[in-house]
Amino acid sequence: MKKTIEERFDVLDRTLKSNNFLANRGLGNEVGYYIFDYTPKDELLVREHVRNLENQNSPEIDGYTLQVFNLYEIMIDFIDEKGYFDKITQMEKKHDIVFVASRINRLLKMEEFDDTQMYFTKYISDRVADDSVVILTGIGEIYPIIRAHSVLNKMHLVYTKRPVIMMYPGEYDRLRLTILDTNRDANYYRAFRID
C-alpha cells in the first residue's frame, strides 16, 4: 500500500534528523543525493511543508542550515538579469519548445564539458553554507526546459559537501525519473529515494 503524503513527510522529517544522512554515511561512497518524489497533485502541500521546514530550521539544534533553491526562480531571475526575457518571449512565438529549451540550456551552460560552469551548480555552490542541507525545488515548473537528471548529473560531480534533496513531482523508482506522471524524463540511478 502506498504511503500518504503526510506519512512521506514524516519519513522526510526523520531523514533530515538522521546522523547518517547528515554525515553522508552508509551510502557506499556515493554522494549524498536524494529524491523525494510525490504525486504532482500534492505540489502545494509539498511547497508548504518545505516552507515550514525552512522556517523551523534551527542550525544550533538541527546541526545544519536548511537552504532551499527553487531552480525555476533561479532560471527566471538569471534570464531577466541578463536582459534575455523579451528575446526568449519572442523566440517562443516563432519556434517550438525544443528550440527554446536548447537556447536556454546553452545560456545556463547545461551542456558545458566543465560541470563547474553550469549556472545552477555555480549559483548554489557560491551561496551554500558549509553546514547546509540543500533542497532543490521548482522541478515541475522548469520542465521541459531543464530536465531533472541534467541538473543532478552536473551537480553530483561538483557539489559533494552535504546532502542534497530534490523535490520531484513525479515518480523515481531508483532507476528512472518520470516527471509529472506523464513523460519519462530519463534514467537516473545515483540518487537515493526518500521513502
N, C-alpha and C. Protein backbone atom coordinates (compact mmCIF):
# COMPACT_ATOMS: atom_id res chain seq x y z
N MET A 1 0.84 -1.19 0.00
CA MET A 1 0.00 0.00 0.00
C MET A 1 0.88 1.25 0.00
N LYS A 2 0.52 2.20 -0.83
CA LYS A 2 1.28 3.44 -0.91
C LYS A 2 1.06 4.30 0.32
N LYS A 3 2.11 4.99 0.72
CA LYS A 3 2.01 5.90 1.86
C LYS A 3 1.32 7.19 1.45
N THR A 4 0.63 7.81 2.39
CA THR A 4 0.03 9.12 2.14
C THR A 4 1.14 10.16 2.12
N ILE A 5 0.83 11.34 1.62
CA ILE A 5 1.84 12.40 1.58
C ILE A 5 2.26 12.78 3.00
N GLU A 6 1.34 12.73 3.95
CA GLU A 6 1.68 13.04 5.34
C GLU A 6 2.66 12.01 5.91
N GLU A 7 2.45 10.74 5.58
CA GLU A 7 3.38 9.69 6.02
C GLU A 7 4.75 9.88 5.37
N ARG A 8 4.75 10.29 4.10
CA ARG A 8 6.01 10.56 3.40
C ARG A 8 6.74 11.74 4.04
N PHE A 9 5.98 12.79 4.45
CA PHE A 9 6.59 13.94 5.13
C PHE A 9 7.25 13.49 6.43
N ASP A 10 6.61 12.57 7.16
CA ASP A 10 7.21 12.04 8.39
C ASP A 10 8.55 11.37 8.09
N VAL A 11 8.62 10.61 7.00
CA VAL A 11 9.86 9.94 6.60
C VAL A 11 10.92 11.00 6.25
N LEU A 12 10.51 12.02 5.52
CA LEU A 12 11.44 13.11 5.17
C LEU A 12 11.97 13.79 6.43
N ASP A 13 11.08 14.08 7.37
CA ASP A 13 11.49 14.74 8.61
C ASP A 13 12.47 13.88 9.41
N ARG A 14 12.19 12.58 9.49
CA ARG A 14 13.11 11.66 10.19
C ARG A 14 14.45 11.58 9.47
N THR A 15 14.42 11.58 8.15
CA THR A 15 15.65 11.53 7.36
C THR A 15 16.51 12.75 7.66
N LEU A 16 15.89 13.92 7.71
CA LEU A 16 16.63 15.17 7.99
C LEU A 16 17.27 15.18 9.38
N LYS A 17 16.77 14.35 10.28
CA LYS A 17 17.30 14.29 11.65
C LYS A 17 18.32 13.16 11.82
N SER A 18 18.48 12.35 10.81
CA SER A 18 19.35 11.18 10.90
C SER A 18 20.82 11.58 10.82
N ASN A 19 21.61 11.10 11.78
CA ASN A 19 23.05 11.39 11.78
C ASN A 19 23.75 10.81 10.55
N ASN A 20 23.33 9.62 10.13
CA ASN A 20 23.93 9.01 8.93
C ASN A 20 23.66 9.86 7.70
N PHE A 21 22.44 10.39 7.59
CA PHE A 21 22.10 11.27 6.47
C PHE A 21 22.96 12.52 6.48
N LEU A 22 23.06 13.16 7.63
CA LEU A 22 23.81 14.41 7.73
C LEU A 22 25.30 14.22 7.49
N ALA A 23 25.81 13.06 7.85
CA ALA A 23 27.24 12.79 7.67
C ALA A 23 27.54 12.10 6.33
N ASN A 24 26.50 11.85 5.54
CA ASN A 24 26.65 11.12 4.28
C ASN A 24 27.25 9.74 4.51
N ARG A 25 26.91 9.12 5.65
CA ARG A 25 27.42 7.79 5.97
C ARG A 25 26.45 6.72 5.49
N GLY A 26 26.99 5.54 5.25
CA GLY A 26 26.16 4.41 4.87
C GLY A 26 25.71 4.46 3.42
N LEU A 27 26.41 5.22 2.61
CA LEU A 27 26.00 5.37 1.22
C LEU A 27 26.91 4.62 0.25
N GLY A 28 27.79 3.78 0.75
CA GLY A 28 28.68 3.05 -0.14
C GLY A 28 29.54 3.96 -0.99
N ASN A 29 30.04 5.02 -0.39
CA ASN A 29 30.90 6.01 -1.05
C ASN A 29 30.18 6.80 -2.15
N GLU A 30 28.87 6.73 -2.19
CA GLU A 30 28.10 7.55 -3.14
C GLU A 30 27.91 8.94 -2.55
N VAL A 31 27.77 9.91 -3.41
CA VAL A 31 27.48 11.28 -3.00
C VAL A 31 26.06 11.31 -2.46
N GLY A 32 25.82 12.11 -1.43
CA GLY A 32 24.52 12.17 -0.76
C GLY A 32 23.46 12.94 -1.51
N TYR A 33 22.97 12.36 -2.59
CA TYR A 33 21.87 12.95 -3.36
C TYR A 33 20.63 12.10 -3.16
N TYR A 34 19.52 12.78 -2.85
CA TYR A 34 18.27 12.11 -2.54
C TYR A 34 17.15 12.71 -3.38
N ILE A 35 16.15 11.89 -3.64
CA ILE A 35 14.97 12.37 -4.35
C ILE A 35 13.75 12.06 -3.49
N PHE A 36 12.97 13.10 -3.24
CA PHE A 36 11.68 12.95 -2.59
C PHE A 36 10.64 13.10 -3.70
N ASP A 37 10.16 11.96 -4.19
CA ASP A 37 9.17 12.02 -5.27
C ASP A 37 7.76 12.02 -4.68
N TYR A 38 6.86 12.61 -5.42
CA TYR A 38 5.48 12.74 -4.93
C TYR A 38 4.54 12.93 -6.11
N THR A 39 3.28 12.65 -5.85
CA THR A 39 2.25 12.84 -6.86
C THR A 39 2.11 14.34 -7.14
N PRO A 40 2.12 14.74 -8.40
CA PRO A 40 2.05 16.17 -8.73
C PRO A 40 0.85 16.90 -8.10
N LYS A 41 -0.23 16.20 -7.84
CA LYS A 41 -1.39 16.86 -7.22
C LYS A 41 -1.08 17.34 -5.80
N ASP A 42 0.00 16.82 -5.21
CA ASP A 42 0.40 17.22 -3.86
C ASP A 42 1.39 18.39 -3.85
N GLU A 43 1.60 19.02 -5.00
CA GLU A 43 2.60 20.08 -5.14
C GLU A 43 2.43 21.18 -4.08
N LEU A 44 1.23 21.66 -3.87
CA LEU A 44 1.03 22.76 -2.91
C LEU A 44 1.33 22.31 -1.48
N LEU A 45 0.99 21.07 -1.15
CA LEU A 45 1.30 20.54 0.17
C LEU A 45 2.82 20.42 0.35
N VAL A 46 3.51 19.99 -0.70
CA VAL A 46 4.97 19.86 -0.64
C VAL A 46 5.61 21.23 -0.47
N ARG A 47 5.15 22.21 -1.23
CA ARG A 47 5.69 23.57 -1.09
C ARG A 47 5.51 24.09 0.34
N GLU A 48 4.33 23.85 0.90
CA GLU A 48 4.06 24.30 2.27
C GLU A 48 4.96 23.58 3.27
N HIS A 49 5.15 22.29 3.08
CA HIS A 49 5.99 21.52 4.00
C HIS A 49 7.45 22.00 3.94
N VAL A 50 7.94 22.22 2.73
CA VAL A 50 9.32 22.70 2.58
C VAL A 50 9.46 24.09 3.23
N ARG A 51 8.47 24.94 3.01
CA ARG A 51 8.49 26.29 3.63
C ARG A 51 8.51 26.17 5.16
N ASN A 52 7.70 25.26 5.71
CA ASN A 52 7.69 25.04 7.16
C ASN A 52 9.03 24.51 7.66
N LEU A 53 9.62 23.57 6.93
CA LEU A 53 10.94 23.05 7.31
C LEU A 53 11.97 24.18 7.35
N GLU A 54 11.92 25.02 6.34
CA GLU A 54 12.87 26.14 6.25
C GLU A 54 12.66 27.13 7.39
N ASN A 55 11.41 27.45 7.68
CA ASN A 55 11.10 28.41 8.76
C ASN A 55 11.42 27.87 10.15
N GLN A 56 11.27 26.55 10.32
CA GLN A 56 11.50 25.94 11.63
C GLN A 56 12.95 25.50 11.84
N ASN A 57 13.76 25.59 10.81
CA ASN A 57 15.15 25.16 10.91
C ASN A 57 15.93 26.00 11.91
N SER A 58 16.57 25.33 12.84
CA SER A 58 17.44 25.97 13.81
C SER A 58 18.80 25.30 13.72
N PRO A 59 19.77 25.97 13.08
CA PRO A 59 21.08 25.34 12.88
C PRO A 59 21.71 24.83 14.18
N GLU A 60 21.53 25.55 15.27
CA GLU A 60 22.12 25.13 16.54
C GLU A 60 21.51 23.82 17.04
N ILE A 61 20.22 23.66 16.85
CA ILE A 61 19.53 22.45 17.31
C ILE A 61 19.62 21.33 16.28
N ASP A 62 19.36 21.67 15.02
CA ASP A 62 19.31 20.66 13.97
C ASP A 62 20.69 20.19 13.52
N GLY A 63 21.70 21.02 13.70
CA GLY A 63 23.05 20.65 13.27
C GLY A 63 23.32 20.97 11.81
N TYR A 64 22.43 21.69 11.17
CA TYR A 64 22.61 22.09 9.78
C TYR A 64 21.74 23.31 9.48
N THR A 65 22.10 24.00 8.41
CA THR A 65 21.28 25.08 7.89
C THR A 65 20.55 24.53 6.67
N LEU A 66 19.25 24.66 6.66
CA LEU A 66 18.47 24.20 5.52
C LEU A 66 18.40 25.33 4.50
N GLN A 67 18.88 25.07 3.30
CA GLN A 67 18.85 26.06 2.23
C GLN A 67 18.04 25.51 1.07
N VAL A 68 17.02 26.25 0.69
CA VAL A 68 16.13 25.84 -0.39
C VAL A 68 16.42 26.68 -1.62
N PHE A 69 16.60 26.00 -2.75
CA PHE A 69 16.86 26.67 -4.02
C PHE A 69 15.78 26.26 -5.02
N ASN A 70 14.99 27.23 -5.48
CA ASN A 70 13.96 26.98 -6.47
C ASN A 70 14.60 27.21 -7.85
N LEU A 71 14.81 26.13 -8.59
CA LEU A 71 15.51 26.22 -9.87
C LEU A 71 14.76 27.07 -10.89
N TYR A 72 13.44 27.04 -10.84
CA TYR A 72 12.66 27.87 -11.76
C TYR A 72 12.91 29.35 -11.49
N GLU A 73 12.83 29.74 -10.23
CA GLU A 73 13.07 31.15 -9.87
C GLU A 73 14.49 31.57 -10.21
N ILE A 74 15.45 30.69 -9.97
CA ILE A 74 16.85 30.99 -10.30
C ILE A 74 16.99 31.22 -11.80
N MET A 75 16.37 30.35 -12.61
CA MET A 75 16.45 30.48 -14.06
C MET A 75 15.80 31.79 -14.53
N ILE A 76 14.60 32.08 -14.04
CA ILE A 76 13.88 33.30 -14.46
C ILE A 76 14.67 34.54 -14.07
N ASP A 77 15.20 34.58 -12.85
CA ASP A 77 16.00 35.73 -12.40
C ASP A 77 17.23 35.92 -13.28
N PHE A 78 17.90 34.82 -13.64
CA PHE A 78 19.08 34.88 -14.48
C PHE A 78 18.74 35.43 -15.87
N ILE A 79 17.68 34.89 -16.47
CA ILE A 79 17.26 35.34 -17.80
C ILE A 79 16.90 36.82 -17.77
N ASP A 80 16.19 37.23 -16.74
CA ASP A 80 15.79 38.64 -16.60
C ASP A 80 17.01 39.54 -16.37
N GLU A 81 17.90 39.10 -15.49
CA GLU A 81 19.12 39.85 -15.18
C GLU A 81 20.01 40.05 -16.41
N LYS A 82 20.06 39.05 -17.27
CA LYS A 82 20.88 39.13 -18.48
C LYS A 82 20.18 39.90 -19.61
N GLY A 83 18.91 40.25 -19.40
CA GLY A 83 18.17 41.01 -20.41
C GLY A 83 17.64 40.16 -21.56
N TYR A 84 17.48 38.86 -21.34
CA TYR A 84 17.03 37.96 -22.40
C TYR A 84 15.54 37.63 -22.34
N PHE A 85 14.84 38.14 -21.34
CA PHE A 85 13.45 37.76 -21.14
C PHE A 85 12.60 38.05 -22.38
N ASP A 86 12.70 39.28 -22.91
CA ASP A 86 11.91 39.65 -24.09
C ASP A 86 12.33 38.85 -25.32
N LYS A 87 13.62 38.60 -25.46
CA LYS A 87 14.12 37.81 -26.61
C LYS A 87 13.56 36.39 -26.57
N ILE A 88 13.53 35.81 -25.39
CA ILE A 88 13.02 34.44 -25.26
C ILE A 88 11.51 34.41 -25.50
N THR A 89 10.82 35.44 -25.02
CA THR A 89 9.38 35.53 -25.27
C THR A 89 9.09 35.59 -26.76
N GLN A 90 9.86 36.37 -27.49
CA GLN A 90 9.72 36.46 -28.95
C GLN A 90 10.08 35.14 -29.61
N MET A 91 11.11 34.49 -29.10
CA MET A 91 11.55 33.21 -29.63
C MET A 91 10.43 32.16 -29.50
N GLU A 92 9.73 32.21 -28.37
CA GLU A 92 8.63 31.25 -28.13
C GLU A 92 7.52 31.39 -29.16
N LYS A 93 7.31 32.61 -29.66
CA LYS A 93 6.26 32.85 -30.65
C LYS A 93 6.62 32.26 -32.01
N LYS A 94 7.91 32.14 -32.30
CA LYS A 94 8.37 31.70 -33.62
C LYS A 94 8.81 30.24 -33.67
N HIS A 95 9.21 29.68 -32.54
CA HIS A 95 9.81 28.34 -32.52
C HIS A 95 9.11 27.43 -31.52
N ASP A 96 9.37 26.14 -31.66
CA ASP A 96 8.80 25.18 -30.71
C ASP A 96 9.60 25.16 -29.41
N ILE A 97 9.07 24.44 -28.44
CA ILE A 97 9.67 24.39 -27.10
C ILE A 97 11.06 23.74 -27.13
N VAL A 98 11.27 22.81 -28.04
CA VAL A 98 12.58 22.14 -28.13
C VAL A 98 13.65 23.16 -28.49
N PHE A 99 13.36 24.02 -29.46
CA PHE A 99 14.31 25.06 -29.87
C PHE A 99 14.57 26.03 -28.72
N VAL A 100 13.51 26.50 -28.09
CA VAL A 100 13.64 27.46 -26.97
C VAL A 100 14.42 26.82 -25.83
N ALA A 101 14.09 25.58 -25.51
CA ALA A 101 14.79 24.88 -24.42
C ALA A 101 16.28 24.74 -24.73
N SER A 102 16.62 24.45 -25.99
CA SER A 102 18.04 24.30 -26.34
C SER A 102 18.78 25.62 -26.15
N ARG A 103 18.14 26.74 -26.46
CA ARG A 103 18.77 28.05 -26.29
C ARG A 103 18.94 28.40 -24.81
N ILE A 104 17.93 28.09 -24.02
CA ILE A 104 18.02 28.37 -22.58
C ILE A 104 19.08 27.46 -21.95
N ASN A 105 19.13 26.20 -22.36
CA ASN A 105 20.15 25.27 -21.86
C ASN A 105 21.55 25.78 -22.17
N ARG A 106 21.71 26.32 -23.35
CA ARG A 106 23.01 26.88 -23.74
C ARG A 106 23.34 28.10 -22.87
N LEU A 107 22.35 28.94 -22.65
CA LEU A 107 22.53 30.14 -21.82
C LEU A 107 22.94 29.76 -20.39
N LEU A 108 22.33 28.71 -19.86
CA LEU A 108 22.62 28.25 -18.50
C LEU A 108 23.84 27.33 -18.43
N LYS A 109 24.46 27.10 -19.58
CA LYS A 109 25.65 26.25 -19.69
C LYS A 109 25.39 24.82 -19.20
N MET A 110 24.21 24.32 -19.55
CA MET A 110 23.85 22.95 -19.17
C MET A 110 24.65 21.91 -19.94
N GLU A 111 25.16 22.29 -21.08
CA GLU A 111 25.86 21.33 -21.94
C GLU A 111 27.38 21.53 -21.91
N GLU A 112 27.86 22.35 -20.99
CA GLU A 112 29.31 22.59 -20.89
C GLU A 112 30.02 21.33 -20.44
N PHE A 113 31.21 21.13 -20.95
CA PHE A 113 32.03 20.00 -20.54
C PHE A 113 32.48 20.17 -19.09
N ASP A 114 32.78 21.41 -18.70
CA ASP A 114 33.19 21.72 -17.33
C ASP A 114 31.94 21.92 -16.48
N ASP A 115 31.61 20.90 -15.67
CA ASP A 115 30.39 20.92 -14.87
C ASP A 115 30.34 22.07 -13.87
N THR A 116 31.49 22.60 -13.49
CA THR A 116 31.51 23.71 -12.53
C THR A 116 30.95 24.99 -13.13
N GLN A 117 30.86 25.04 -14.46
CA GLN A 117 30.37 26.25 -15.13
C GLN A 117 28.86 26.24 -15.35
N MET A 118 28.21 25.10 -15.13
CA MET A 118 26.75 25.05 -15.25
C MET A 118 26.17 26.05 -14.27
N TYR A 119 25.25 26.89 -14.72
CA TYR A 119 24.78 28.01 -13.90
C TYR A 119 24.21 27.57 -12.56
N PHE A 120 23.38 26.54 -12.53
CA PHE A 120 22.77 26.12 -11.26
C PHE A 120 23.83 25.65 -10.28
N THR A 121 24.79 24.87 -10.76
CA THR A 121 25.88 24.39 -9.89
C THR A 121 26.65 25.56 -9.32
N LYS A 122 27.02 26.49 -10.18
CA LYS A 122 27.79 27.66 -9.75
C LYS A 122 26.97 28.51 -8.77
N TYR A 123 25.71 28.75 -9.10
CA TYR A 123 24.83 29.57 -8.26
C TYR A 123 24.73 28.98 -6.85
N ILE A 124 24.45 27.69 -6.79
CA ILE A 124 24.28 27.04 -5.49
C ILE A 124 25.59 26.96 -4.73
N SER A 125 26.66 26.54 -5.38
CA SER A 125 27.97 26.43 -4.73
C SER A 125 28.43 27.77 -4.15
N ASP A 126 28.14 28.85 -4.86
CA ASP A 126 28.54 30.18 -4.38
C ASP A 126 27.74 30.66 -3.18
N ARG A 127 26.57 30.07 -2.93
CA ARG A 127 25.67 30.57 -1.89
C ARG A 127 25.45 29.62 -0.72
N VAL A 128 25.88 28.41 -0.85
CA VAL A 128 25.57 27.42 0.18
C VAL A 128 26.59 27.50 1.33
N ALA A 129 26.06 27.41 2.53
CA ALA A 129 26.91 27.41 3.73
C ALA A 129 27.52 26.01 3.90
N ASP A 130 28.64 25.95 4.61
CA ASP A 130 29.33 24.67 4.79
C ASP A 130 28.49 23.64 5.55
N ASP A 131 27.62 24.11 6.43
CA ASP A 131 26.84 23.18 7.25
C ASP A 131 25.44 22.90 6.68
N SER A 132 25.25 23.20 5.41
CA SER A 132 23.91 23.15 4.83
C SER A 132 23.46 21.77 4.37
N VAL A 133 22.15 21.61 4.42
CA VAL A 133 21.44 20.58 3.68
C VAL A 133 20.69 21.36 2.61
N VAL A 134 20.82 20.95 1.37
CA VAL A 134 20.23 21.67 0.24
C VAL A 134 18.97 20.96 -0.23
N ILE A 135 17.91 21.74 -0.43
CA ILE A 135 16.69 21.22 -1.04
C ILE A 135 16.48 21.96 -2.35
N LEU A 136 16.30 21.19 -3.43
CA LEU A 136 16.03 21.76 -4.75
C LEU A 136 14.55 21.63 -5.04
N THR A 137 13.92 22.74 -5.40
CA THR A 137 12.51 22.77 -5.76
C THR A 137 12.35 23.40 -7.14
N GLY A 138 11.10 23.51 -7.59
CA GLY A 138 10.83 24.15 -8.88
C GLY A 138 11.05 23.22 -10.07
N ILE A 139 11.17 21.93 -9.82
CA ILE A 139 11.48 20.97 -10.89
C ILE A 139 10.33 20.85 -11.88
N GLY A 140 9.10 20.79 -11.38
CA GLY A 140 7.94 20.70 -12.28
C GLY A 140 7.75 21.98 -13.07
N GLU A 141 8.05 23.10 -12.46
CA GLU A 141 7.89 24.40 -13.13
C GLU A 141 8.90 24.58 -14.27
N ILE A 142 10.07 24.05 -14.09
CA ILE A 142 11.15 24.26 -15.05
C ILE A 142 11.10 23.25 -16.21
N TYR A 143 10.36 22.18 -16.03
CA TYR A 143 10.21 21.15 -17.06
C TYR A 143 9.31 21.66 -18.18
N PRO A 144 9.57 21.43 -19.45
CA PRO A 144 10.59 20.58 -20.05
C PRO A 144 11.84 21.35 -20.49
N ILE A 145 11.95 22.59 -20.06
CA ILE A 145 13.10 23.40 -20.48
C ILE A 145 14.39 22.81 -19.92
N ILE A 146 14.36 22.50 -18.64
CA ILE A 146 15.51 21.87 -17.98
C ILE A 146 15.02 20.55 -17.41
N ARG A 147 15.80 19.52 -17.57
CA ARG A 147 15.44 18.19 -17.07
C ARG A 147 16.14 17.91 -15.74
N ALA A 148 15.42 17.28 -14.84
CA ALA A 148 15.95 16.99 -13.50
C ALA A 148 17.26 16.20 -13.57
N HIS A 149 17.32 15.19 -14.42
CA HIS A 149 18.52 14.36 -14.48
C HIS A 149 19.73 15.18 -14.94
N SER A 150 19.51 16.19 -15.78
CA SER A 150 20.62 17.03 -16.23
C SER A 150 21.23 17.81 -15.07
N VAL A 151 20.37 18.35 -14.23
CA VAL A 151 20.85 19.09 -13.06
C VAL A 151 21.59 18.15 -12.11
N LEU A 152 20.98 17.01 -11.82
CA LEU A 152 21.61 16.05 -10.90
C LEU A 152 22.93 15.52 -11.44
N ASN A 153 22.98 15.22 -12.72
CA ASN A 153 24.22 14.71 -13.32
C ASN A 153 25.36 15.71 -13.19
N LYS A 154 25.07 16.97 -13.36
CA LYS A 154 26.10 18.01 -13.26
C LYS A 154 26.47 18.27 -11.80
N MET A 155 25.45 18.42 -10.95
CA MET A 155 25.72 18.80 -9.56
C MET A 155 26.46 17.74 -8.78
N HIS A 156 26.14 16.48 -9.00
CA HIS A 156 26.76 15.45 -8.17
C HIS A 156 28.26 15.34 -8.41
N LEU A 157 28.74 15.86 -9.51
CA LEU A 157 30.18 15.86 -9.78
C LEU A 157 30.90 17.04 -9.13
N VAL A 158 30.14 18.05 -8.76
CA VAL A 158 30.73 19.29 -8.27
C VAL A 158 30.43 19.54 -6.79
N TYR A 159 29.17 19.37 -6.40
CA TYR A 159 28.78 19.69 -5.04
C TYR A 159 28.65 18.41 -4.22
N THR A 160 29.60 18.19 -3.31
CA THR A 160 29.61 16.97 -2.51
C THR A 160 29.72 17.23 -1.01
N LYS A 161 29.58 18.49 -0.61
CA LYS A 161 29.79 18.84 0.80
C LYS A 161 28.78 18.16 1.73
N ARG A 162 27.52 18.35 1.44
CA ARG A 162 26.45 17.87 2.32
C ARG A 162 25.32 17.31 1.46
N PRO A 163 24.34 16.69 2.10
CA PRO A 163 23.24 16.09 1.34
C PRO A 163 22.43 17.11 0.52
N VAL A 164 21.94 16.64 -0.61
CA VAL A 164 21.06 17.41 -1.48
C VAL A 164 19.79 16.58 -1.69
N ILE A 165 18.63 17.23 -1.51
CA ILE A 165 17.34 16.58 -1.74
C ILE A 165 16.64 17.31 -2.86
N MET A 166 16.25 16.56 -3.88
CA MET A 166 15.44 17.15 -4.96
C MET A 166 13.99 16.77 -4.71
N MET A 167 13.13 17.77 -4.65
CA MET A 167 11.69 17.55 -4.52
C MET A 167 11.17 17.33 -5.94
N TYR A 168 10.67 16.12 -6.21
CA TYR A 168 10.40 15.71 -7.59
C TYR A 168 8.92 15.36 -7.80
N PRO A 169 8.20 16.19 -8.57
CA PRO A 169 6.79 15.92 -8.83
C PRO A 169 6.61 14.85 -9.90
N GLY A 170 6.63 13.64 -9.48
CA GLY A 170 6.53 12.51 -10.39
C GLY A 170 6.97 11.27 -9.65
N GLU A 171 7.59 10.35 -10.36
CA GLU A 171 7.99 9.10 -9.74
C GLU A 171 9.47 8.82 -10.00
N TYR A 172 10.13 8.35 -8.95
CA TYR A 172 11.51 7.90 -9.07
C TYR A 172 11.54 6.48 -8.53
N ASP A 173 11.89 5.52 -9.39
CA ASP A 173 11.89 4.11 -8.97
C ASP A 173 13.31 3.57 -8.73
N ARG A 174 14.23 4.49 -8.50
CA ARG A 174 15.65 4.19 -8.27
C ARG A 174 16.42 3.87 -9.55
N LEU A 175 15.73 3.87 -10.67
CA LEU A 175 16.37 3.66 -11.96
C LEU A 175 16.04 4.76 -12.95
N ARG A 176 14.81 5.24 -12.90
CA ARG A 176 14.40 6.28 -13.85
C ARG A 176 13.46 7.27 -13.20
N LEU A 177 13.46 8.45 -13.79
CA LEU A 177 12.59 9.54 -13.36
C LEU A 177 11.43 9.65 -14.34
N THR A 178 10.23 9.82 -13.81
CA THR A 178 9.04 10.04 -14.64
C THR A 178 8.38 11.31 -14.12
N ILE A 179 8.53 12.39 -14.86
CA ILE A 179 8.07 13.71 -14.41
C ILE A 179 6.56 13.88 -14.61
N LEU A 180 5.93 14.49 -13.64
CA LEU A 180 4.52 14.90 -13.71
C LEU A 180 3.58 13.77 -14.13
N ASP A 181 3.94 12.54 -13.80
CA ASP A 181 3.12 11.37 -14.11
C ASP A 181 2.77 11.24 -15.59
N THR A 182 3.57 11.85 -16.46
CA THR A 182 3.24 11.80 -17.88
C THR A 182 4.38 11.29 -18.74
N ASN A 183 5.52 11.90 -18.65
CA ASN A 183 6.64 11.57 -19.52
C ASN A 183 7.81 11.01 -18.74
N ARG A 184 8.45 10.07 -19.32
CA ARG A 184 9.68 9.56 -18.72
C ARG A 184 10.76 10.59 -18.96
N ASP A 185 11.32 11.12 -17.90
CA ASP A 185 12.33 12.16 -18.01
C ASP A 185 13.65 11.54 -18.48
N ALA A 186 14.17 10.60 -17.72
CA ALA A 186 15.42 9.94 -18.11
C ALA A 186 15.80 8.91 -17.06
N ASN A 187 16.73 8.06 -17.43
CA ASN A 187 17.28 7.13 -16.45
C ASN A 187 18.17 7.91 -15.50
N TYR A 188 18.09 7.57 -14.23
CA TYR A 188 18.96 8.18 -13.24
C TYR A 188 19.02 7.23 -12.06
N TYR A 189 20.21 6.84 -11.66
CA TYR A 189 20.34 5.82 -10.62
C TYR A 189 21.30 6.21 -9.50
N ARG A 190 21.77 7.44 -9.49
CA ARG A 190 22.76 7.82 -8.49
C ARG A 190 22.14 8.38 -7.21
N ALA A 191 20.87 8.67 -7.24
CA ALA A 191 20.22 9.25 -6.05
C ALA A 191 19.51 8.17 -5.25
N PHE A 192 19.31 8.47 -3.98
CA PHE A 192 18.59 7.59 -3.09
C PHE A 192 17.18 8.13 -2.92
N ARG A 193 16.21 7.26 -2.99
CA ARG A 193 14.81 7.67 -2.84
C ARG A 193 14.48 7.76 -1.36
N ILE A 194 13.86 8.86 -0.97
CA ILE A 194 13.38 9.01 0.41
C ILE A 194 11.99 8.40 0.46
N ASP A 195 11.89 7.25 1.09
CA ASP A 195 10.59 6.59 1.19
C ASP A 195 10.44 5.87 2.51
